C-alpha atoms as a PDB file:
ATOM      1  CA  MET A   1      27.602 101.249  42.258  1.00  0.00           C
ATOM      2  CA  LEU A   2      28.164 104.722  43.647  1.00  0.00           C
ATOM      3  CA  LYS A   3      31.393 104.897  45.646  1.00  0.00           C
ATOM      4  CA  LEU A   4      30.565 107.599  48.158  1.00  0.00           C
ATOM      5  CA  ASN A   5      33.236 109.933  49.475  1.00  0.00           C
ATOM      6  CA  VAL A   6      32.649 113.150  51.414  1.00  0.00           C
ATOM      7  CA  LYS A   7      35.226 114.169  54.019  1.00  0.00           C
ATOM      8  CA  ASN A   8      34.749 117.945  54.100  1.00  0.00           C
ATOM      9  CA  GLU A   9      32.577 120.769  52.752  1.00  0.00           C
ATOM     10  CA  THR A  10      34.937 122.125  50.123  1.00  0.00           C
ATOM     11  CA  SER A  11      36.820 119.472  48.123  1.00  0.00           C
ATOM     12  CA  ARG A  12      36.034 119.222  44.404  1.00  0.00           C
ATOM     13  CA  LEU A  13      32.428 118.081  44.004  1.00  0.00           C
ATOM     14  CA  ARG A  14      31.788 115.149  41.642  1.00  0.00           C
ATOM     15  CA  ALA A  15      28.214 113.999  42.383  1.00  0.00           C
ATOM     16  CA  VAL A  16      25.273 115.570  44.200  1.00  0.00           C
ATOM     17  CA  VAL A  17      21.517 115.263  44.695  1.00  0.00           C
ATOM     18  CA  LEU A  18      19.970 118.647  43.915  1.00  0.00           C
ATOM     19  CA  GLY A  19      16.388 119.229  45.065  1.00  0.00           C
ATOM     20  CA  THR A  20      13.566 120.328  42.804  1.00  0.00           C
ATOM     21  CA  ALA A  21      10.947 123.071  42.989  1.00  0.00           C
ATOM     22  CA  THR A  22       8.756 121.572  40.247  1.00  0.00           C
ATOM     23  CA  SER A  23       5.217 120.689  41.362  1.00  0.00           C
ATOM     24  CA  ASN A  24       5.900 122.382  44.664  1.00  0.00           C
ATOM     25  CA  GLY A  25       2.290 122.451  45.785  1.00  0.00           C
ATOM     26  CA  GLN A  26       0.053 125.055  47.359  1.00  0.00           C
ATOM     27  CA  ILE A  27       1.195 127.766  49.751  1.00  0.00           C
ATOM     28  CA  PRO A  28       1.211 126.021  53.143  1.00  0.00           C
ATOM     29  CA  ALA A  29      -1.407 126.808  55.747  1.00  0.00           C
ATOM     30  CA  ILE A  30      -0.188 128.693  58.816  1.00  0.00           C
ATOM     31  CA  ALA A  31      -0.310 125.489  60.877  1.00  0.00           C
ATOM     32  CA  GLU A  32       1.870 123.710  58.289  1.00  0.00           C
ATOM     33  CA  ALA A  33       4.849 126.107  58.525  1.00  0.00           C
ATOM     34  CA  TYR A  34       7.997 124.272  59.672  1.00  0.00           C
ATOM     35  CA  ASP A  35       9.945 127.420  60.556  1.00  0.00           C
ATOM     36  CA  PRO A  36       9.359 131.088  61.502  1.00  0.00           C
ATOM     37  CA  LYS A  37      10.623 132.523  58.202  1.00  0.00           C
ATOM     38  CA  SER A  38       8.157 130.535  56.116  1.00  0.00           C
ATOM     39  CA  LEU A  39       5.440 131.546  58.570  1.00  0.00           C
ATOM     40  CA  GLU A  40       6.435 135.201  58.221  1.00  0.00           C
ATOM     41  CA  HIS A  41       6.022 135.082  54.433  1.00  0.00           C
ATOM     42  CA  ILE A  42       2.779 133.081  54.562  1.00  0.00           C
ATOM     43  CA  LEU A  43       1.297 135.755  56.836  1.00  0.00           C
ATOM     44  CA  ALA A  44       2.667 138.615  54.700  1.00  0.00           C
ATOM     45  CA  GLY A  45       1.424 137.166  51.404  1.00  0.00           C
ATOM     46  CA  THR A  46       5.002 137.048  50.079  1.00  0.00           C
ATOM     47  CA  TYR A  47       5.540 133.271  50.109  1.00  0.00           C
ATOM     48  CA  PRO A  48       7.510 132.278  46.975  1.00  0.00           C
ATOM     49  CA  ILE A  49       5.707 130.985  43.893  1.00  0.00           C
ATOM     50  CA  GLU A  50       6.751 127.894  41.987  1.00  0.00           C
ATOM     51  CA  LYS A  51       7.907 129.444  38.707  1.00  0.00           C
ATOM     52  CA  ASP A  52      10.315 131.777  40.528  1.00  0.00           C
ATOM     53  CA  MET A  53      11.777 128.947  42.589  1.00  0.00           C
ATOM     54  CA  VAL A  54      12.121 126.688  39.548  1.00  0.00           C
ATOM     55  CA  ALA A  55      14.049 129.465  37.771  1.00  0.00           C
ATOM     56  CA  GLU A  56      16.374 129.863  40.767  1.00  0.00           C
ATOM     57  CA  MET A  57      17.085 126.132  40.979  1.00  0.00           C
ATOM     58  CA  ASP A  58      17.688 126.015  37.211  1.00  0.00           C
ATOM     59  CA  ALA A  59      20.336 128.723  37.618  1.00  0.00           C
ATOM     60  CA  PHE A  60      22.027 126.677  40.367  1.00  0.00           C
ATOM     61  CA  ASN A  61      21.809 123.540  38.222  1.00  0.00           C
ATOM     62  CA  LYS A  62      23.533 125.334  35.328  1.00  0.00           C
ATOM     63  CA  VAL A  63      26.467 126.276  37.560  1.00  0.00           C
ATOM     64  CA  LEU A  64      26.861 122.667  38.700  1.00  0.00           C
ATOM     65  CA  GLN A  65      26.762 121.545  35.045  1.00  0.00           C
ATOM     66  CA  LYS A  66      29.426 124.117  34.184  1.00  0.00           C
ATOM     67  CA  TYR A  67      31.780 122.296  36.579  1.00  0.00           C
ATOM     68  CA  ASP A  68      30.886 118.843  35.180  1.00  0.00           C
ATOM     69  CA  VAL A  69      29.199 117.653  38.378  1.00  0.00           C
ATOM     70  CA  THR A  70      26.987 114.559  38.088  1.00  0.00           C
ATOM     71  CA  ILE A  71      23.542 115.757  39.208  1.00  0.00           C
ATOM     72  CA  TYR A  72      20.735 113.577  40.508  1.00  0.00           C
ATOM     73  CA  ARG A  73      17.229 114.989  41.029  1.00  0.00           C
ATOM     74  CA  PRO A  74      14.464 113.521  43.200  1.00  0.00           C
ATOM     75  CA  GLU A  75      11.628 111.688  41.498  1.00  0.00           C
ATOM     76  CA  LEU A  76       8.671 114.052  41.403  1.00  0.00           C
ATOM     77  CA  ILE A  77       5.971 113.881  44.033  1.00  0.00           C
ATOM     78  CA  ALA A  78       2.979 115.876  42.798  1.00  0.00           C
ATOM     79  CA  ASP A  79       2.214 119.065  44.743  1.00  0.00           C
ATOM     80  CA  TYR A  80       4.981 118.552  47.283  1.00  0.00           C
ATOM     81  CA  ASN A  81       8.016 120.552  48.434  1.00  0.00           C
ATOM     82  CA  GLN A  82      11.216 118.669  47.507  1.00  0.00           C
ATOM     83  CA  ILE A  83      13.705 121.536  47.505  1.00  0.00           C
ATOM     84  CA  PHE A  84      15.758 120.831  50.614  1.00  0.00           C
ATOM     85  CA  THR A  85      17.490 117.485  50.060  1.00  0.00           C
ATOM     86  CA  ARG A  86      20.112 118.276  52.736  1.00  0.00           C
ATOM     87  CA  ASP A  87      17.458 117.566  55.384  1.00  0.00           C
ATOM     88  CA  ILE A  88      16.724 114.006  54.311  1.00  0.00           C
ATOM     89  CA  GLY A  89      20.177 112.446  54.259  1.00  0.00           C
ATOM     90  CA  PHE A  90      23.910 113.070  54.305  1.00  0.00           C
ATOM     91  CA  VAL A  91      27.205 111.344  53.563  1.00  0.00           C
ATOM     92  CA  ILE A  92      30.137 111.023  55.963  1.00  0.00           C
ATOM     93  CA  ASP A  93      33.244 109.461  54.410  1.00  0.00           C
ATOM     94  CA  GLY A  94      31.680 106.538  52.481  1.00  0.00           C
ATOM     95  CA  VAL A  95      28.476 106.114  54.511  1.00  0.00           C
ATOM     96  CA  PHE A  96      25.002 107.361  53.549  1.00  0.00           C
ATOM     97  CA  ILE A  97      22.964 108.225  56.640  1.00  0.00           C
ATOM     98  CA  LYS A  98      19.197 108.576  56.277  1.00  0.00           C
ATOM     99  CA  SER A  99      17.828 111.356  58.453  1.00  0.00           C
ATOM    100  CA  ASN A 100      15.057 110.777  60.942  1.00  0.00           C
ATOM    101  CA  ILE A 101      13.077 113.720  59.641  1.00  0.00           C
ATOM    102  CA  LEU A 102       9.667 115.148  60.443  1.00  0.00           C
ATOM    103  CA  PRO A 103       7.234 112.268  59.676  1.00  0.00           C
ATOM    104  CA  GLU A 104       5.396 114.292  57.035  1.00  0.00           C
ATOM    105  CA  ARG A 105       8.590 114.455  54.970  1.00  0.00           C
ATOM    106  CA  GLU A 106       9.342 110.737  54.782  1.00  0.00           C
ATOM    107  CA  ARG A 107       8.194 110.649  51.143  1.00  0.00           C
ATOM    108  CA  GLU A 108      11.186 112.827  50.205  1.00  0.00           C
ATOM    109  CA  LEU A 109      13.497 109.929  51.062  1.00  0.00           C
ATOM    110  CA  ASP A 110      11.442 107.584  48.900  1.00  0.00           C
ATOM    111  CA  ALA A 111      11.926 109.998  45.979  1.00  0.00           C
ATOM    112  CA  ILE A 112      15.712 109.475  46.033  1.00  0.00           C
ATOM    113  CA  GLN A 113      15.536 105.725  46.627  1.00  0.00           C
ATOM    114  CA  TYR A 114      16.748 105.151  43.061  1.00  0.00           C
ATOM    115  CA  VAL A 115      20.008 106.857  44.100  1.00  0.00           C
ATOM    116  CA  ILE A 116      20.271 104.943  47.381  1.00  0.00           C
ATOM    117  CA  ASP A 117      19.785 101.704  45.414  1.00  0.00           C
ATOM    118  CA  GLN A 118      23.113 102.434  43.661  1.00  0.00           C
ATOM    119  CA  ILE A 119      24.978 102.445  47.005  1.00  0.00           C
ATOM    120  CA  ASP A 120      26.386  99.357  48.742  1.00  0.00           C
ATOM    121  CA  PRO A 121      23.596  98.434  51.213  1.00  0.00           C
ATOM    122  CA  LEU A 122      26.229  97.930  53.923  1.00  0.00           C
ATOM    123  CA  LYS A 123      27.063 101.621  53.530  1.00  0.00           C
ATOM    124  CA  VAL A 124      23.478 102.839  54.091  1.00  0.00           C
ATOM    125  CA  VAL A 125      22.461 103.532  57.690  1.00  0.00           C
ATOM    126  CA  ARG A 126      19.138 104.483  59.279  1.00  0.00           C
ATOM    127  CA  PRO A 127      19.422 105.661  62.892  1.00  0.00           C
ATOM    128  CA  PRO A 128      17.034 104.289  65.523  1.00  0.00           C
ATOM    129  CA  GLU A 129      13.786 106.153  66.100  1.00  0.00           C
ATOM    130  CA  GLU A 130      14.939 108.120  69.149  1.00  0.00           C
ATOM    131  CA  VAL A 131      17.755 109.685  67.113  1.00  0.00           C
ATOM    132  CA  HIS A 132      16.829 113.030  65.516  1.00  0.00           C
ATOM    133  CA  ILE A 133      19.356 114.374  63.025  1.00  0.00           C
ATOM    134  CA  GLU A 134      19.257 116.360  59.768  1.00  0.00           C
ATOM    135  CA  GLY A 135      21.997 117.076  57.254  1.00  0.00           C
ATOM    136  CA  GLY A 136      21.921 120.839  57.782  1.00  0.00           C
ATOM    137  CA  ASP A 137      23.262 120.227  61.289  1.00  0.00           C
ATOM    138  CA  VAL A 138      26.119 117.978  60.144  1.00  0.00           C
ATOM    139  CA  MET A 139      29.273 119.586  58.798  1.00  0.00           C
ATOM    140  CA  LEU A 140      32.509 117.814  57.876  1.00  0.00           C
ATOM    141  CA  TRP A 141      35.973 119.254  58.215  1.00  0.00           C
ATOM    142  CA  ASP A 142      38.359 116.353  57.560  1.00  0.00           C
ATOM    143  CA  ASP A 143      38.995 114.744  60.979  1.00  0.00           C
ATOM    144  CA  HIS A 144      36.271 116.892  62.582  1.00  0.00           C
ATOM    145  CA  ILE A 145      32.497 116.489  62.448  1.00  0.00           C
ATOM    146  CA  PHE A 146      30.626 119.598  63.592  1.00  0.00           C
ATOM    147  CA  ILE A 147      27.024 119.017  64.682  1.00  0.00           C
ATOM    148  CA  GLY A 148      24.370 121.597  65.482  1.00  0.00           C
ATOM    149  CA  THR A 149      21.937 120.671  68.257  1.00  0.00           C
ATOM    150  CA  TYR A 150      19.654 122.180  70.879  1.00  0.00           C
ATOM    151  CA  LYS A 151      20.242 121.303  74.528  1.00  0.00           C
ATOM    152  CA  GLY A 152      17.283 123.140  76.052  1.00  0.00           C
ATOM    153  CA  SER A 153      14.978 121.120  78.317  1.00  0.00           C
ATOM    154  CA  ASP A 154      12.114 122.268  76.073  1.00  0.00           C
ATOM    155  CA  TYR A 155      13.592 120.547  72.962  1.00  0.00           C
ATOM    156  CA  LYS A 156      10.356 118.676  72.232  1.00  0.00           C
ATOM    157  CA  ASP A 157       8.429 121.972  72.070  1.00  0.00           C
ATOM    158  CA  TYR A 158      10.521 123.322  69.189  1.00  0.00           C
ATOM    159  CA  ILE A 159       9.747 122.232  65.634  1.00  0.00           C
ATOM    160  CA  THR A 160      12.892 124.233  64.780  1.00  0.00           C
ATOM    161  CA  ALA A 161      15.061 121.891  66.909  1.00  0.00           C
ATOM    162  CA  ARG A 162      16.034 119.167  64.448  1.00  0.00           C
ATOM    163  CA  THR A 163      19.016 117.324  65.985  1.00  0.00           C
ATOM    164  CA  ASN A 164      18.966 115.994  69.547  1.00  0.00           C
ATOM    165  CA  LYS A 165      21.648 114.751  71.933  1.00  0.00           C
ATOM    166  CA  GLU A 166      20.939 111.183  70.820  1.00  0.00           C
ATOM    167  CA  GLY A 167      21.747 112.290  67.274  1.00  0.00           C
ATOM    168  CA  VAL A 168      25.115 113.625  68.384  1.00  0.00           C
ATOM    169  CA  GLN A 169      25.895 110.402  70.267  1.00  0.00           C
ATOM    170  CA  PHE A 170      24.872 108.300  67.269  1.00  0.00           C
ATOM    171  CA  ILE A 171      27.476 110.018  65.088  1.00  0.00           C
ATOM    172  CA  LYS A 172      30.105 109.716  67.815  1.00  0.00           C
ATOM    173  CA  ASP A 173      29.466 105.975  68.016  1.00  0.00           C
ATOM    174  CA  LEU A 174      29.426 105.539  64.228  1.00  0.00           C
ATOM    175  CA  PHE A 175      32.693 107.460  63.708  1.00  0.00           C
ATOM    176  CA  PRO A 176      34.823 106.854  66.822  1.00  0.00           C
ATOM    177  CA  ASP A 177      38.004 108.040  65.096  1.00  0.00           C
ATOM    178  CA  LYS A 178      36.570 111.487  64.321  1.00  0.00           C
ATOM    179  CA  ILE A 179      36.561 114.561  66.561  1.00  0.00           C
ATOM    180  CA  VAL A 180      32.826 115.162  66.985  1.00  0.00           C
ATOM    181  CA  LYS A 181      31.995 118.601  68.357  1.00  0.00           C
ATOM    182  CA  GLU A 182      28.401 119.669  69.019  1.00  0.00           C
ATOM    183  CA  PHE A 183      27.185 123.275  69.056  1.00  0.00           C
ATOM    184  CA  ASP A 184      24.155 124.400  71.054  1.00  0.00           C
ATOM    185  CA  LEU A 185      22.159 126.639  68.686  1.00  0.00           C
ATOM    186  CA  VAL A 186      19.727 129.486  69.330  1.00  0.00           C
ATOM    187  CA  LYS A 187      16.157 128.553  68.386  1.00  0.00           C
ATOM    188  CA  SER A 188      12.980 130.578  67.952  1.00  0.00           C
ATOM    189  CA  LYS A 189       9.529 129.507  66.830  1.00  0.00           C
ATOM    190  CA  ILE A 190       8.421 133.056  66.014  1.00  0.00           C
ATOM    191  CA  GLU A 191      11.408 135.231  65.016  1.00  0.00           C
ATOM    192  CA  ALA A 192      13.483 134.051  62.031  1.00  0.00           C
ATOM    193  CA  ARG A 193      16.247 136.549  62.832  1.00  0.00           C
ATOM    194  CA  ASP A 194      16.832 134.680  66.089  1.00  0.00           C
ATOM    195  CA  ASN A 195      16.496 131.139  64.801  1.00  0.00           C
ATOM    196  CA  ALA A 196      19.479 129.057  63.721  1.00  0.00           C
ATOM    197  CA  LEU A 197      17.384 126.279  62.185  1.00  0.00           C
ATOM    198  CA  HIS A 198      20.516 124.247  61.447  1.00  0.00           C
ATOM    199  CA  LEU A 199      24.250 124.731  62.002  1.00  0.00           C
ATOM    200  CA  ASP A 200      24.634 125.889  58.385  1.00  0.00           C
ATOM    201  CA  CYS A 201      22.382 128.862  59.238  1.00  0.00           C
ATOM    202  CA  CYS A 202      25.132 130.330  61.423  1.00  0.00           C
ATOM    203  CA  PHE A 203      28.396 128.707  60.304  1.00  0.00           C
ATOM    204  CA  GLN A 204      30.052 127.064  57.299  1.00  0.00           C
ATOM    205  CA  PRO A 205      33.665 126.278  56.378  1.00  0.00           C
ATOM    206  CA  ILE A 206      34.892 127.551  53.014  1.00  0.00           C
ATOM    207  CA  GLY A 207      38.198 126.841  51.327  1.00  0.00           C
ATOM    208  CA  PRO A 208      40.882 124.938  53.240  1.00  0.00           C
ATOM    209  CA  ASN A 209      40.932 127.141  56.351  1.00  0.00           C
ATOM    210  CA  LYS A 210      38.214 129.815  56.304  1.00  0.00           C
ATOM    211  CA  GLY A 211      34.598 130.085  57.352  1.00  0.00           C
ATOM    212  CA  ILE A 212      31.451 132.218  57.559  1.00  0.00           C
ATOM    213  CA  ILE A 213      30.044 132.668  61.068  1.00  0.00           C
ATOM    214  CA  TYR A 214      27.262 134.369  63.025  1.00  0.00           C
ATOM    215  CA  LYS A 215      28.312 134.705  66.657  1.00  0.00           C
ATOM    216  CA  SER A 216      24.804 135.132  68.099  1.00  0.00           C
ATOM    217  CA  GLY A 217      23.625 131.874  66.546  1.00  0.00           C
ATOM    218  CA  PHE A 218      25.359 129.984  69.359  1.00  0.00           C
ATOM    219  CA  ARG A 219      23.744 129.737  72.795  1.00  0.00           C
ATOM    220  CA  GLU A 220      27.157 129.372  74.472  1.00  0.00           C
ATOM    221  CA  GLU A 221      30.036 131.736  73.712  1.00  0.00           C
ATOM    222  CA  ALA A 222      32.404 128.820  74.324  1.00  0.00           C
ATOM    223  CA  ASP A 223      31.037 127.099  71.210  1.00  0.00           C
ATOM    224  CA  TYR A 224      31.684 130.207  69.130  1.00  0.00           C
ATOM    225  CA  MET A 225      35.187 130.520  70.633  1.00  0.00           C
ATOM    226  CA  TYR A 226      35.929 126.884  69.767  1.00  0.00           C
ATOM    227  CA  LEU A 227      35.591 127.780  66.080  1.00  0.00           C
ATOM    228  CA  VAL A 228      37.494 131.052  66.479  1.00  0.00           C
ATOM    229  CA  ASN A 229      40.389 129.167  68.060  1.00  0.00           C
ATOM    230  CA  LEU A 230      40.256 126.383  65.470  1.00  0.00           C
ATOM    231  CA  PHE A 231      40.089 128.585  62.354  1.00  0.00           C
ATOM    232  CA  GLY A 232      41.622 131.847  63.614  1.00  0.00           C
ATOM    233  CA  LYS A 233      39.483 134.960  63.907  1.00  0.00           C
ATOM    234  CA  GLU A 234      41.162 136.513  60.862  1.00  0.00           C
ATOM    235  CA  ASN A 235      39.925 133.594  58.744  1.00  0.00           C
ATOM    236  CA  LEU A 236      36.262 133.962  59.756  1.00  0.00           C
ATOM    237  CA  PHE A 237      33.837 136.267  57.957  1.00  0.00           C
ATOM    238  CA  HIS A 238      31.410 137.523  60.602  1.00  0.00           C
ATOM    239  CA  ILE A 239      27.872 138.129  59.381  1.00  0.00           C
ATOM    240  CA  SER A 240      25.221 140.361  60.940  1.00  0.00           C
ATOM    241  CA  ARG A 241      21.783 139.395  62.270  1.00  0.00           C
ATOM    242  CA  ASP A 242      20.176 140.510  58.999  1.00  0.00           C
ATOM    243  CA  GLU A 243      22.796 138.664  56.944  1.00  0.00           C
ATOM    244  CA  MET A 244      22.077 135.519  58.958  1.00  0.00           C
ATOM    245  CA  TYR A 245      18.365 136.064  58.250  1.00  0.00           C
ATOM    246  CA  THR A 246      19.035 136.218  54.484  1.00  0.00           C
ATOM    247  CA  MET A 247      21.180 133.054  54.892  1.00  0.00           C
ATOM    248  CA  ASN A 248      24.655 134.378  54.043  1.00  0.00           C
ATOM    249  CA  SER A 249      26.283 131.356  55.696  1.00  0.00           C
ATOM    250  CA  ASN A 250      24.295 128.920  53.540  1.00  0.00           C
ATOM    251  CA  VAL A 251      26.418 129.134  50.398  1.00  0.00           C
ATOM    252  CA  PHE A 252      27.782 126.014  48.675  1.00  0.00           C
ATOM    253  CA  SER A 253      31.315 125.016  47.704  1.00  0.00           C
ATOM    254  CA  ILE A 254      31.984 123.221  44.414  1.00  0.00           C
ATOM    255  CA  ASP A 255      35.730 123.288  45.049  1.00  0.00           C
ATOM    256  CA  SER A 256      38.157 124.660  47.608  1.00  0.00           C
ATOM    257  CA  ASN A 257      38.301 127.905  45.619  1.00  0.00           C
ATOM    258  CA  VAL A 258      34.800 127.958  44.024  1.00  0.00           C
ATOM    259  CA  VAL A 259      31.737 129.082  45.998  1.00  0.00           C
ATOM    260  CA  VAL A 260      28.155 129.361  44.747  1.00  0.00           C
ATOM    261  CA  SER A 261      26.508 132.342  46.465  1.00  0.00           C
ATOM    262  CA  GLU A 262      23.318 134.386  46.268  1.00  0.00           C
ATOM    263  CA  LYS A 263      23.770 137.399  43.989  1.00  0.00           C
ATOM    264  CA  ASN A 264      22.543 139.877  46.619  1.00  0.00           C
ATOM    265  CA  PHE A 265      25.183 138.894  49.205  1.00  0.00           C
ATOM    266  CA  THR A 266      27.329 141.866  48.163  1.00  0.00           C
ATOM    267  CA  ARG A 267      29.506 142.193  51.279  1.00  0.00           C
ATOM    268  CA  LEU A 268      30.173 138.460  51.495  1.00  0.00           C
ATOM    269  CA  ASN A 269      30.822 138.021  47.770  1.00  0.00           C
ATOM    270  CA  ASN A 270      33.270 140.936  47.714  1.00  0.00           C
ATOM    271  CA  TRP A 271      35.136 139.423  50.671  1.00  0.00           C
ATOM    272  CA  LEU A 272      35.239 136.002  49.045  1.00  0.00           C
ATOM    273  CA  ARG A 273      36.736 137.465  45.877  1.00  0.00           C
ATOM    274  CA  SER A 274      39.263 139.445  47.917  1.00  0.00           C
ATOM    275  CA  GLU A 275      40.338 136.140  49.491  1.00  0.00           C
ATOM    276  CA  GLY A 276      40.887 134.544  46.085  1.00  0.00           C
ATOM    277  CA  PHE A 277      37.647 132.618  45.646  1.00  0.00           C
ATOM    278  CA  THR A 278      35.760 132.317  42.376  1.00  0.00           C
ATOM    279  CA  VAL A 279      32.185 133.320  43.231  1.00  0.00           C
ATOM    280  CA  GLU A 280      29.395 131.916  41.086  1.00  0.00           C
ATOM    281  CA  GLU A 281      26.415 134.191  41.788  1.00  0.00           C
ATOM    282  CA  VAL A 282      22.870 132.892  41.362  1.00  0.00           C
ATOM    283  CA  PRO A 283      19.437 134.310  42.280  1.00  0.00           C
ATOM    284  CA  TYR A 284      18.069 132.431  45.317  1.00  0.00           C
ATOM    285  CA  ALA A 285      16.191 135.067  47.319  1.00  0.00           C
ATOM    286  CA  GLU A 286      12.760 133.506  46.765  1.00  0.00           C
ATOM    287  CA  ILE A 287      13.827 130.069  47.984  1.00  0.00           C
ATOM    288  CA  SER A 288      15.454 131.736  51.019  1.00  0.00           C
ATOM    289  CA  LYS A 289      11.967 132.756  52.192  1.00  0.00           C
ATOM    290  CA  GLN A 290      11.591 129.135  53.352  1.00  0.00           C
ATOM    291  CA  GLU A 291      14.634 129.461  55.656  1.00  0.00           C
ATOM    292  CA  GLY A 292      16.893 127.457  53.377  1.00  0.00           C
ATOM    293  CA  LEU A 293      19.394 128.315  50.665  1.00  0.00           C
ATOM    294  CA  LEU A 294      22.098 126.728  48.520  1.00  0.00           C
ATOM    295  CA  ARG A 295      23.634 124.235  50.963  1.00  0.00           C
ATOM    296  CA  CYS A 296      20.149 123.160  52.057  1.00  0.00           C
ATOM    297  CA  SER A 297      19.243 122.299  48.445  1.00  0.00           C
ATOM    298  CA  THR A 298      22.128 119.857  47.988  1.00  0.00           C
ATOM    299  CA  LEU A 299      23.093 116.412  49.174  1.00  0.00           C
ATOM    300  CA  PRO A 300      26.733 115.802  48.136  1.00  0.00           C
ATOM    301  CA  LEU A 301      27.581 112.175  47.370  1.00  0.00           C
ATOM    302  CA  ILE A 302      31.138 112.304  46.037  1.00  0.00           C
ATOM    303  CA  ARG A 303      33.946 114.807  46.510  1.00  0.00           C
ATOM    304  CA  ASP A 304      37.624 114.318  45.731  1.00  0.00           C
END
């Protein structure tokens, strides 16, 4: 049996589900785009091709192997996008929570059922139908759970709004001893530079007390200030609108001092090194064209 344990974003990683870009399928039709960045690249003829994305995920996989992480991959579904495992489930403490995802993506959960079968069934939870929640919106920081949401009255009109108020309440009820703080995120259906698809598109903790943040990703300044007051402004690396667009906040921690980052994130990577982090650089710019990056591609199961 897998004994799950994830209490934060940065403790030493021991086991993870890493997505796959193999047999990724055709370029989606315009009507099939889930987010404005994918749509932008479909329209421009620059949507990523499979061999480039496979090479990028192989580079990420090699870094995880270097640190002796146990890596699970989804079973292959022919001609189907299975890169972003963070969307389909997440672990809090010792509980695996299945996401209520877009109905078209339900098969992605089936493809990791062989992993779920290794978990105590009493530790596997599926929220009720009215609960919308995805792993990119759920971030752990020891006794805190940060959750990205969208509180606009037009929630149902936004395919980019992935976690609703019922999702926040579900986590509060499931973990009554945690401090659950929701953040109202900026959403756009047409402009990727103004769309925080998930919380990890505009914020992520790194190390024991630092974080990467994009102020304009939050609809309410009070939400941004909550994190400033919690972490200290001097401990937060502020990214620009363009850096948010290229997904600078969507890096991935293997340990409290080891961060996997995209090789083109020069300003961020220099700052991380200046703060004492080991930065493992990988190419991931093609995958980023689908509005997801390193954190999105992972589903951590066990950390120290």
